C-alpha atoms as a PDB file:
ATOM      1  CA  MET A   1      -0.039  -0.024   0.185  1.00  0.00           C
ATOM      2  CA  HIS A   2       2.641   2.541   0.577  1.00  0.00           C
ATOM      3  CA  LEU A   3       4.491   1.631  -2.187  1.00  0.00           C
ATOM      4  CA  ILE A   4       1.386   3.004  -4.329  1.00  0.00           C
ATOM      5  CA  THR A   5       0.745   5.999  -2.496  1.00  0.00           C
ATOM      6  CA  GLY A   6       4.563   7.097  -3.055  1.00  0.00           C
ATOM      7  CA  MET A   7       4.250   6.236  -6.828  1.00  0.00           C
ATOM      8  CA  VAL A   8       0.510   7.911  -6.365  1.00  0.00           C
ATOM      9  CA  ALA A   9       2.455  10.921  -4.429  1.00  0.00           C
ATOM     10  CA  SER A  10       5.691  11.215  -6.653  1.00  0.00           C
ATOM     11  CA  MET A  11       3.738  11.490 -10.160  1.00  0.00           C
ATOM     12  CA  LEU A  12       1.786  14.217  -8.798  1.00  0.00           C
ATOM     13  CA  PHE A  13       4.630  16.163  -7.451  1.00  0.00           C
ATOM     14  CA  SER A  14       7.500  15.501  -9.928  1.00  0.00           C
ATOM     15  CA  GLY A  15       8.503  16.856 -13.052  1.00  0.00           C
ATOM     16  CA  LEU A  16       5.751  15.276 -15.230  1.00  0.00           C
ATOM     17  CA  ARG A  17       3.908  18.465 -15.481  1.00  0.00           C
ATOM     18  CA  LYS A  18       2.599  20.559 -18.836  1.00  0.00           C
ATOM     19  CA  LYS A  19       5.062  23.157 -19.580  1.00  0.00           C
ATOM     20  CA  SER A  20       2.207  25.801 -18.887  1.00  0.00           C
ATOM     21  CA  GLU A  21       1.376  24.413 -15.582  1.00  0.00           C
ATOM     22  CA  HIS A  22       5.108  24.416 -14.607  1.00  0.00           C
ATOM     23  CA  LYS A  23       5.414  28.012 -15.270  1.00  0.00           C
ATOM     24  CA  LEU A  24       3.135  29.034 -13.459  1.00  0.00           C
ATOM     25  CA  LEU A  25       4.297  27.150 -10.287  1.00  0.00           C
ATOM     26  CA  LYS A  26       7.369  29.235 -10.155  1.00  0.00           C
ATOM     27  CA  THR A  27       7.339  32.245  -8.352  1.00  0.00           C
ATOM     28  CA  ASP A  28       7.979  35.792 -10.516  1.00  0.00           C
ATOM     29  CA  PHE A  29       9.484  37.534  -7.915  1.00  0.00           C
ATOM     30  CA  ARG A  30      11.550  37.248  -4.688  1.00  0.00           C
ATOM     31  CA  VAL A  31      14.160  39.162  -2.461  1.00  0.00           C
ATOM     32  CA  ALA A  32      17.651  37.799  -2.887  1.00  0.00           C
ATOM     33  CA  HIS A  33      19.197  39.955  -0.206  1.00  0.00           C
ATOM     34  CA  VAL A  34      18.365  42.268   2.628  1.00  0.00           C
ATOM     35  CA  SER A  35      20.224  44.532   4.856  1.00  0.00           C
ATOM     36  CA  PRO A  36      19.742  47.507   7.007  1.00  0.00           C
ATOM     37  CA  GLY A  37      20.015  50.424   3.883  1.00  0.00           C
ATOM     38  CA  ARG A  38      19.640  47.787   0.655  1.00  0.00           C
ATOM     39  CA  VAL A  39      17.715  45.312  -0.758  1.00  0.00           C
ATOM     40  CA  ARG A  40      17.857  43.303  -3.861  1.00  0.00           C
ATOM     41  CA  LEU A  41      14.891  42.095  -5.329  1.00  0.00           C
ATOM     42  CA  TYR A  42      14.364  39.692  -8.793  1.00  0.00           C
ATOM     43  CA  SER A  43      11.565  39.352 -10.957  1.00  0.00           C
ATOM     44  CA  ARG A  44      11.444  38.583 -14.879  1.00  0.00           C
ATOM     45  CA  LYS A  45       9.710  41.561 -15.433  1.00  0.00           C
ATOM     46  CA  LEU A  46      13.007  43.217 -14.196  1.00  0.00           C
ATOM     47  CA  GLN A  47      14.326  42.126 -17.351  1.00  0.00           C
ATOM     48  CA  ASN A  48      12.316  44.890 -19.523  1.00  0.00           C
ATOM     49  CA  SER A  49      14.305  48.340 -19.390  1.00  0.00           C
ATOM     50  CA  ALA A  50      10.994  50.088 -19.537  1.00  0.00           C
ATOM     51  CA  MET A  51       9.356  48.409 -16.474  1.00  0.00           C
ATOM     52  CA  GLY A  52      12.708  49.312 -14.489  1.00  0.00           C
ATOM     53  CA  ASP A  53      12.587  53.354 -16.007  1.00  0.00           C
ATOM     54  CA  THR A  54       8.763  53.100 -14.753  1.00  0.00           C
ATOM     55  CA  LEU A  55       9.635  51.785 -11.269  1.00  0.00           C
ATOM     56  CA  LYS A  56      12.791  53.367 -10.530  1.00  0.00           C
ATOM     57  CA  LYS A  57      10.591  56.996 -11.498  1.00  0.00           C
ATOM     58  CA  GLU A  58       7.884  56.014  -9.259  1.00  0.00           C
ATOM     59  CA  LEU A  59       9.840  54.572  -6.525  1.00  0.00           C
ATOM     60  CA  MET A  60      12.487  57.933  -6.200  1.00  0.00           C
ATOM     61  CA  ARG A  61       9.348  59.514  -5.572  1.00  0.00           C
ATOM     62  CA  VAL A  62       9.367  58.072  -2.250  1.00  0.00           C
ATOM     63  CA  GLN A  63      11.171  59.847   0.762  1.00  0.00           C
ATOM     64  CA  GLY A  64      14.283  57.850   1.857  1.00  0.00           C
ATOM     65  CA  ILE A  65      14.873  55.886  -1.088  1.00  0.00           C
ATOM     66  CA  LYS A  66      18.536  57.383  -2.051  1.00  0.00           C
ATOM     67  CA  GLU A  67      19.807  55.269  -4.861  1.00  0.00           C
ATOM     68  CA  MET A  68      17.904  52.202  -6.867  1.00  0.00           C
ATOM     69  CA  SER A  69      19.801  50.449  -9.937  1.00  0.00           C
ATOM     70  CA  ASN A  70      18.225  47.650 -12.317  1.00  0.00           C
ATOM     71  CA  ASN A  71      20.019  45.143 -14.106  1.00  0.00           C
ATOM     72  CA  THR A  72      18.042  44.153 -17.205  1.00  0.00           C
ATOM     73  CA  VAL A  73      20.098  40.959 -17.986  1.00  0.00           C
ATOM     74  CA  THR A  74      19.787  39.437 -14.414  1.00  0.00           C
ATOM     75  CA  GLY A  75      16.253  41.397 -13.765  1.00  0.00           C
ATOM     76  CA  SER A  76      17.368  42.150 -10.617  1.00  0.00           C
ATOM     77  CA  LEU A  77      16.749  45.464  -8.940  1.00  0.00           C
ATOM     78  CA  LEU A  78      19.116  47.044  -6.166  1.00  0.00           C
ATOM     79  CA  VAL A  79      17.707  49.516  -4.002  1.00  0.00           C
ATOM     80  CA  PHE A  80      19.537  51.704  -1.202  1.00  0.00           C
ATOM     81  CA  TYR A  81      17.231  52.970   1.298  1.00  0.00           C
ATOM     82  CA  ASP A  82      17.404  55.093   4.655  1.00  0.00           C
ATOM     83  CA  PRO A  83      16.339  52.503   7.327  1.00  0.00           C
ATOM     84  CA  LYS A  84      15.271  54.938   9.445  1.00  0.00           C
ATOM     85  CA  GLN A  85      12.597  56.267   7.171  1.00  0.00           C
ATOM     86  CA  ILE A  86      11.696  52.749   5.459  1.00  0.00           C
ATOM     87  CA  GLN A  87      11.168  49.336   6.407  1.00  0.00           C
ATOM     88  CA  PRO A  88      12.744  46.363   3.690  1.00  0.00           C
ATOM     89  CA  ASP A  89       9.478  44.548   3.412  1.00  0.00           C
ATOM     90  CA  LEU A  90       7.445  47.499   2.792  1.00  0.00           C
ATOM     91  CA  LEU A  91       9.678  48.474   0.231  1.00  0.00           C
ATOM     92  CA  ALA A  92       9.728  45.058  -1.588  1.00  0.00           C
ATOM     93  CA  SER A  93       5.740  45.239  -1.135  1.00  0.00           C
ATOM     94  CA  ALA A  94       5.259  48.440  -3.080  1.00  0.00           C
ATOM     95  CA  VAL A  95       7.779  46.948  -5.936  1.00  0.00           C
ATOM     96  CA  TYR A  96       5.667  43.752  -6.118  1.00  0.00           C
ATOM     97  CA  GLN A  97       2.738  45.988  -6.276  1.00  0.00           C
ATOM     98  CA  LEU A  98       4.279  48.594  -8.618  1.00  0.00           C
ATOM     99  CA  LEU A  99       5.428  45.435 -11.232  1.00  0.00           C
ATOM    100  CA  GLY A 100       1.510  44.482 -11.037  1.00  0.00           C
ATOM    101  CA  PHE A 101       1.823  40.854  -9.296  1.00  0.00           C
ATOM    102  CA  THR A 102      -1.145  41.723  -7.038  1.00  0.00           C
ATOM    103  CA  LYS A 103      -3.395  41.800 -10.232  1.00  0.00           C
ATOM    104  CA  GLU A 104      -2.379  38.413 -11.240  1.00  0.00           C
ATOM    105  CA  LYS A 105      -2.223  36.917  -7.890  1.00  0.00           C
ATOM    106  CA  LYS A 106      -6.042  37.757  -7.918  1.00  0.00           C
ATOM    107  CA  THR A 107      -6.919  35.396 -10.510  1.00  0.00           C
ATOM    108  CA  ASN A 108      -8.319  32.051  -9.389  1.00  0.00           C
ATOM    109  CA  ARG A 109      -6.130  29.774  -9.689  1.00  0.00           C
ATOM    110  CA  LYS A 110      -6.917  25.952  -8.981  1.00  0.00           C
ATOM    111  CA  GLY A 111      -5.002  22.838  -7.664  1.00  0.00           C
ATOM    112  CA  ARG A 112      -4.437  19.848 -10.144  1.00  0.00           C
ATOM    113  CA  VAL A 113      -6.413  17.736  -8.238  1.00  0.00           C
ATOM    114  CA  TYR A 114      -9.216  20.177  -7.958  1.00  0.00           C
ATOM    115  CA  LYS A 115      -9.130  20.432 -12.008  1.00  0.00           C
ATOM    116  CA  GLU A 116      -9.245  16.608 -12.315  1.00  0.00           C
ATOM    117  CA  VAL A 117     -12.456  16.480  -9.791  1.00  0.00           C
ATOM    118  CA  GLU A 118     -14.182  19.515 -11.981  1.00  0.00           C
ATOM    119  CA  SER A 119     -12.886  17.695 -15.276  1.00  0.00           C
ATOM    120  CA  MET A 120     -14.734  14.272 -14.380  1.00  0.00           C
ATOM    121  CA  ASN A 121     -17.911  16.628 -13.269  1.00  0.00           C
ATOM    122  CA  LEU A 122     -18.057  17.914 -16.738  1.00  0.00           C
ATOM    123  CA  ALA A 123     -17.758  14.624 -18.071  1.00  0.00           C
ATOM    124  CA  LEU A 124     -20.291  12.912 -15.984  1.00  0.00           C
ATOM    125  CA  ASN A 125     -22.854  16.215 -16.161  1.00  0.00           C
ATOM    126  CA  HIS A 126     -22.246  15.879 -20.463  1.00  0.00           C
ATOM    127  CA  ALA A 127     -23.110  12.092 -20.522  1.00  0.00           C
ATOM    128  CA  LEU A 128     -25.921  12.669 -18.214  1.00  0.00           C
ATOM    129  CA  MET A 129     -27.440  15.717 -20.448  1.00  0.00           C
ATOM    130  CA  GLU A 130     -26.785  13.551 -23.365  1.00  0.00           C
ATOM    131  CA  LYS A 131     -28.568  10.379 -21.643  1.00  0.00           C
ATOM    132  CA  SER A 132     -31.674  12.189 -20.554  1.00  0.00           C
ATOM    133  CA  ASP A 133     -32.183  14.431 -23.284  1.00  0.00           C
ATOM    134  CA  GLY A 134     -31.094  17.174 -21.358  1.00  0.00           C
ATOM    135  CA  ALA A 135     -33.729  16.636 -18.676  1.00  0.00           C
ATOM    136  CA  LEU A 136     -31.139  16.197 -15.971  1.00  0.00           C
ATOM    137  CA  ASP A 137     -27.623  17.699 -15.072  1.00  0.00           C
ATOM    138  CA  THR A 138     -25.450  16.618 -12.124  1.00  0.00           C
ATOM    139  CA  LYS A 139     -26.497  19.831  -9.768  1.00  0.00           C
ATOM    140  CA  THR A 140     -30.103  18.679 -10.503  1.00  0.00           C
ATOM    141  CA  LEU A 141     -29.559  14.864  -9.749  1.00  0.00           C
ATOM    142  CA  ILE A 142     -27.838  15.586  -6.495  1.00  0.00           C
ATOM    143  CA  ALA A 143     -30.473  17.869  -5.170  1.00  0.00           C
ATOM    144  CA  GLY A 144     -33.058  15.165  -6.171  1.00  0.00           C
ATOM    145  CA  GLY A 145     -31.117  12.614  -4.386  1.00  0.00           C
ATOM    146  CA  PHE A 146     -30.820  14.781  -1.370  1.00  0.00           C
ATOM    147  CA  VAL A 147     -34.902  15.758  -1.984  1.00  0.00           C
ATOM    148  CA  ALA A 148     -35.929  12.100  -2.073  1.00  0.00           C
ATOM    149  CA  LEU A 149     -33.665  11.115   0.796  1.00  0.00           C
ATOM    150  CA  GLY A 150     -35.099  13.723   3.120  1.00  0.00           C
ATOM    151  CA  ILE A 151     -38.853  12.723   2.038  1.00  0.00           C
ATOM    152  CA  ARG A 152     -37.881   9.097   2.591  1.00  0.00           C
ATOM    153  CA  GLU A 153     -36.254  10.058   6.260  1.00  0.00           C
ATOM    154  CA  LEU A 154     -39.046  12.117   6.937  1.00  0.00           C
ATOM    155  CA  ILE A 155     -41.678   9.401   6.141  1.00  0.00           C
ATOM    156  CA  LYS A 156     -40.117   6.818   8.041  1.00  0.00           C
ATOM    157  CA  ASN A 157     -39.617   8.793  11.479  1.00  0.00           C
ATOM    158  CA  LYS A 158     -42.847  10.729  10.952  1.00  0.00           C
ATOM    159  CA  SER A 159     -41.034  13.639  11.957  1.00  0.00           C
ATOM    160  CA  LEU A 160     -38.414  15.955  10.746  1.00  0.00           C
ATOM    161  CA  GLY A 161     -35.421  14.468  12.675  1.00  0.00           C
ATOM    162  CA  MET A 162     -32.022  16.099  13.429  1.00  0.00           C
ATOM    163  CA  PRO A 163     -30.054  16.673  11.268  1.00  0.00           C
ATOM    164  CA  ALA A 164     -30.554  13.956   8.446  1.00  0.00           C
ATOM    165  CA  PRO A 165     -33.824  15.218   6.654  1.00  0.00           C
ATOM    166  CA  ILE A 166     -33.029  18.878   7.256  1.00  0.00           C
ATOM    167  CA  THR A 167     -29.368  18.605   6.438  1.00  0.00           C
ATOM    168  CA  LEU A 168     -30.458  16.950   2.625  1.00  0.00           C
ATOM    169  CA  PHE A 169     -33.090  19.937   2.360  1.00  0.00           C
ATOM    170  CA  TYR A 170     -30.370  22.087   3.123  1.00  0.00           C
ATOM    171  CA  TRP A 171     -27.876  20.680   0.634  1.00  0.00           C
ATOM    172  CA  ALA A 172     -30.553  20.524  -1.945  1.00  0.00           C
ATOM    173  CA  TYR A 173     -30.754  24.061  -1.628  1.00  0.00           C
ATOM    174  CA  ASN A 174     -27.776  25.169  -2.075  1.00  0.00           C
ATOM    175  CA  THR A 175     -26.575  22.510  -4.520  1.00  0.00           C
ATOM    176  CA  LEU A 176     -28.800  24.437  -7.006  1.00  0.00           C
ATOM    177  CA  ASP A 177     -28.251  27.755  -6.082  1.00  0.00           C
ATOM    178  CA  LEU A 178     -30.942  28.725  -4.798  1.00  0.00           C
ATOM    179  CA  ASN A 179     -29.458  31.013  -1.423  1.00  0.00           C
ATOM    180  CA  LYS A 180     -27.902  33.241  -4.127  1.00  0.00           C
ATOM    181  CA  SER A 181     -29.677  36.107  -5.622  1.00  0.00           C
ATOM    182  CA  LYS A 182     -30.748  36.607  -9.307  1.00  0.00           C
ATOM    183  CA  SER A 183     -28.195  39.037 -10.085  1.00  0.00           C
ATOM    184  CA  SER A 184     -25.051  36.838  -8.248  1.00  0.00           C
ATOM    185  CA  ARG A 185     -26.399  33.555 -10.892  1.00  0.00           C
ATOM    186  CA  SER A 186     -26.159  36.192 -13.837  1.00  0.00           C
ATOM    187  CA  SER A 187     -23.042  37.144 -13.384  1.00  0.00           C
END
Protein backbone atom coordinates (compact mmCIF):
# COMPACT_ATOMS: atom_id res chain seq x y z
CA MET A 1 0.00 0.00 0.00
CA HIS A 2 2.83 2.40 0.87
CA LEU A 3 4.44 1.69 -2.48
CA ILE A 4 1.28 2.69 -4.37
CA THR A 5 0.86 5.82 -2.26
CA GLY A 6 4.48 6.75 -2.94
CA MET A 7 4.05 6.23 -6.67
CA VAL A 8 0.93 8.39 -6.79
CA ALA A 9 2.57 11.14 -4.74
CA SER A 10 5.65 10.96 -6.93
CA MET A 11 3.59 11.38 -10.09
CA LEU A 12 1.64 14.28 -8.64
CA PHE A 13 4.66 16.20 -7.39
CA SER A 14 7.27 15.21 -9.95
CA GLY A 15 8.27 17.02 -13.10
CA LEU A 16 5.58 15.32 -15.18
CA ARG A 17 3.75 18.61 -15.51
CA LYS A 18 2.83 20.37 -18.70
CA LYS A 19 5.17 23.26 -19.40
CA SER A 20 2.41 25.86 -19.02
CA GLU A 21 1.43 24.51 -15.58
CA HIS A 22 5.07 24.32 -14.53
CA LYS A 23 5.54 27.98 -15.46
CA LEU A 24 2.65 29.03 -13.25
CA LEU A 25 4.15 27.31 -10.22
CA LYS A 26 7.39 29.30 -10.36
CA THR A 27 7.45 32.51 -8.39
CA ASP A 28 8.34 35.50 -10.49
CA PHE A 29 9.26 37.80 -7.64
CA ARG A 30 11.70 37.21 -4.83
CA VAL A 31 13.69 39.15 -2.30
CA ALA A 32 17.27 37.95 -2.72
CA HIS A 33 19.04 39.88 0.00
CA VAL A 34 18.22 42.40 2.70
CA SER A 35 20.61 44.32 4.89
CA PRO A 36 20.04 47.63 6.67
CA GLY A 37 19.85 50.26 3.95
CA ARG A 38 20.04 47.83 1.03
CA VAL A 39 17.67 45.35 -0.62
CA ARG A 40 18.04 43.28 -3.81
CA LEU A 41 14.95 41.99 -5.60
CA TYR A 42 14.59 39.70 -8.61
CA SER A 43 11.80 39.45 -11.15
CA ARG A 44 11.56 38.54 -14.83
CA LYS A 45 9.55 41.72 -15.28
CA LEU A 46 12.67 43.72 -14.39
CA GLN A 47 14.34 42.42 -17.56
CA ASN A 48 12.14 44.90 -19.42
CA SER A 49 14.07 48.19 -19.37
CA ALA A 50 10.88 50.27 -19.71
CA MET A 51 9.42 48.55 -16.64
CA GLY A 52 12.64 49.23 -14.71
CA ASP A 53 12.62 52.90 -15.72
CA THR A 54 8.99 53.32 -14.71
CA LEU A 55 9.64 51.57 -11.41
CA LYS A 56 12.67 53.74 -10.74
CA LYS A 57 10.70 56.91 -11.49
CA GLU A 58 7.91 55.88 -9.10
CA LEU A 59 10.16 54.72 -6.26
CA MET A 60 12.54 57.67 -6.39
CA ARG A 61 9.59 59.88 -5.38
CA VAL A 62 9.41 58.00 -2.07
CA GLN A 63 11.17 59.82 0.75
CA GLY A 64 14.03 57.74 2.11
CA ILE A 65 15.08 56.00 -1.10
CA LYS A 66 18.61 57.08 -1.90
CA GLU A 67 19.59 55.21 -5.03
CA MET A 68 18.40 52.43 -7.32
CA SER A 69 19.91 50.33 -10.08
CA ASN A 70 18.15 47.89 -12.37
CA ASN A 71 19.99 45.09 -14.16
CA THR A 72 17.92 44.04 -17.18
CA VAL A 73 20.14 41.04 -17.89
CA THR A 74 19.55 39.36 -14.52
CA GLY A 75 16.19 40.98 -13.77
CA SER A 76 17.41 42.39 -10.48
CA LEU A 77 16.75 45.63 -8.70
CA LEU A 78 19.12 46.99 -6.08
CA VAL A 79 17.66 49.66 -3.82
CA PHE A 80 19.59 51.74 -1.29
CA TYR A 81 17.34 53.33 1.30
CA ASP A 82 17.36 54.98 4.71
CA PRO A 83 16.44 52.23 7.21
CA LYS A 84 15.16 54.87 9.66
CA GLN A 85 12.51 55.97 7.16
CA ILE A 86 11.60 52.79 5.29
CA GLN A 87 11.26 49.17 6.32
CA PRO A 88 12.55 46.64 3.77
CA ASP A 89 9.36 44.53 3.79
CA LEU A 90 7.26 47.59 2.92
CA LEU A 91 9.71 48.50 0.17
CA ALA A 92 9.54 44.97 -1.29
CA SER A 93 5.75 45.08 -1.05
CA ALA A 94 5.66 48.40 -2.93
CA VAL A 95 7.86 46.99 -5.71
CA TYR A 96 5.66 43.88 -5.84
CA GLN A 97 2.58 46.04 -6.34
CA LEU A 98 4.24 48.40 -8.82
CA LEU A 99 5.27 45.41 -10.93
CA GLY A 100 1.59 44.46 -11.13
CA PHE A 101 1.70 41.17 -9.24
CA THR A 102 -1.32 41.97 -7.09
CA LYS A 103 -3.48 41.95 -10.22
CA GLU A 104 -2.11 38.56 -11.26
CA LYS A 105 -2.44 37.15 -7.74
CA LYS A 106 -6.19 37.79 -7.73
CA THR A 107 -6.76 35.35 -10.57
CA ASN A 108 -8.43 32.19 -9.36
CA ARG A 109 -5.78 29.53 -9.73
CA LYS A 110 -6.81 25.98 -8.91
CA GLY A 111 -4.85 22.91 -7.89
CA ARG A 112 -4.40 19.96 -10.23
CA VAL A 113 -6.58 17.64 -8.13
CA TYR A 114 -9.36 20.25 -8.11
CA LYS A 115 -9.03 20.60 -11.91
CA GLU A 116 -9.28 16.81 -12.32
CA VAL A 117 -12.40 16.62 -10.12
CA GLU A 118 -13.87 19.53 -12.06
CA SER A 119 -13.07 17.77 -15.35
CA MET A 120 -14.70 14.53 -14.14
CA ASN A 121 -17.76 16.49 -13.05
CA LEU A 122 -18.03 18.13 -16.48
CA ALA A 123 -17.72 14.76 -18.21
CA LEU A 124 -20.35 13.21 -15.93
CA ASN A 125 -22.63 16.19 -16.43
CA HIS A 126 -22.26 15.94 -20.21
CA ALA A 127 -22.99 12.20 -20.21
CA LEU A 128 -26.03 12.69 -17.96
CA MET A 129 -27.37 15.47 -20.19
CA GLU A 130 -26.90 13.23 -23.26
CA LYS A 131 -28.65 10.20 -21.68
CA SER A 132 -31.58 12.24 -20.34
CA ASP A 133 -32.01 14.37 -23.50
CA GLY A 134 -31.15 17.49 -21.52
CA ALA A 135 -33.61 16.83 -18.67
CA LEU A 136 -31.02 16.22 -15.92
CA ASP A 137 -27.65 17.55 -14.99
CA THR A 138 -25.43 16.61 -12.04
CA LYS A 139 -26.62 19.47 -9.82
CA THR A 140 -30.27 18.56 -10.35
CA LEU A 141 -29.58 14.86 -9.84
CA ILE A 142 -27.68 15.43 -6.59
CA ALA A 143 -30.27 17.89 -5.30
CA GLY A 144 -33.07 15.47 -6.23
CA GLY A 145 -31.25 12.65 -4.44
CA PHE A 146 -30.96 14.75 -1.28
CA VAL A 147 -34.65 15.69 -1.46
CA ALA A 148 -35.65 12.02 -1.99
CA LEU A 149 -33.55 10.91 0.98
CA GLY A 150 -35.05 13.70 3.08
CA ILE A 151 -38.62 12.71 2.15
CA ARG A 152 -37.87 9.04 2.83
CA GLU A 153 -36.46 9.93 6.27
CA LEU A 154 -39.45 12.19 6.97
CA ILE A 155 -41.94 9.40 6.12
CA LYS A 156 -39.96 6.75 7.98
CA ASN A 157 -39.59 8.74 11.23
CA LYS A 158 -42.82 10.81 10.99
CA SER A 159 -40.83 13.89 11.99
CA LEU A 160 -38.15 16.11 10.59
CA GLY A 161 -35.57 14.32 12.70
CA MET A 162 -32.32 16.01 13.43
CA PRO A 163 -30.20 16.46 11.44
CA ALA A 164 -30.71 14.12 8.47
CA PRO A 165 -33.84 15.39 6.62
CA ILE A 166 -33.25 19.04 7.34
CA THR A 167 -29.60 18.68 6.36
CA LEU A 168 -30.55 16.92 3.15
CA PHE A 169 -33.07 19.65 2.25
CA TYR A 170 -30.42 22.29 3.03
CA TRP A 171 -27.88 20.54 0.79
CA ALA A 172 -30.44 20.33 -2.01
CA TYR A 173 -31.17 24.03 -1.60
CA ASN A 174 -27.47 24.94 -1.76
CA THR A 175 -26.71 22.56 -4.62
CA LEU A 176 -29.29 24.28 -6.80
CA ASP A 177 -27.83 27.69 -5.84
CA LEU A 178 -31.24 28.82 -4.63
CA ASN A 179 -29.59 30.76 -1.82
CA LYS A 180 -27.91 33.18 -4.26
CA SER A 181 -29.62 36.25 -5.64
CA LYS A 182 -30.56 36.38 -9.33
CA SER A 183 -27.93 39.06 -10.00
CA SER A 184 -25.09 36.91 -8.64
CA ARG A 185 -26.24 33.89 -10.69
CA SER A 186 -26.34 35.83 -13.95
CA SER A 187 -22.80 37.15 -13.58
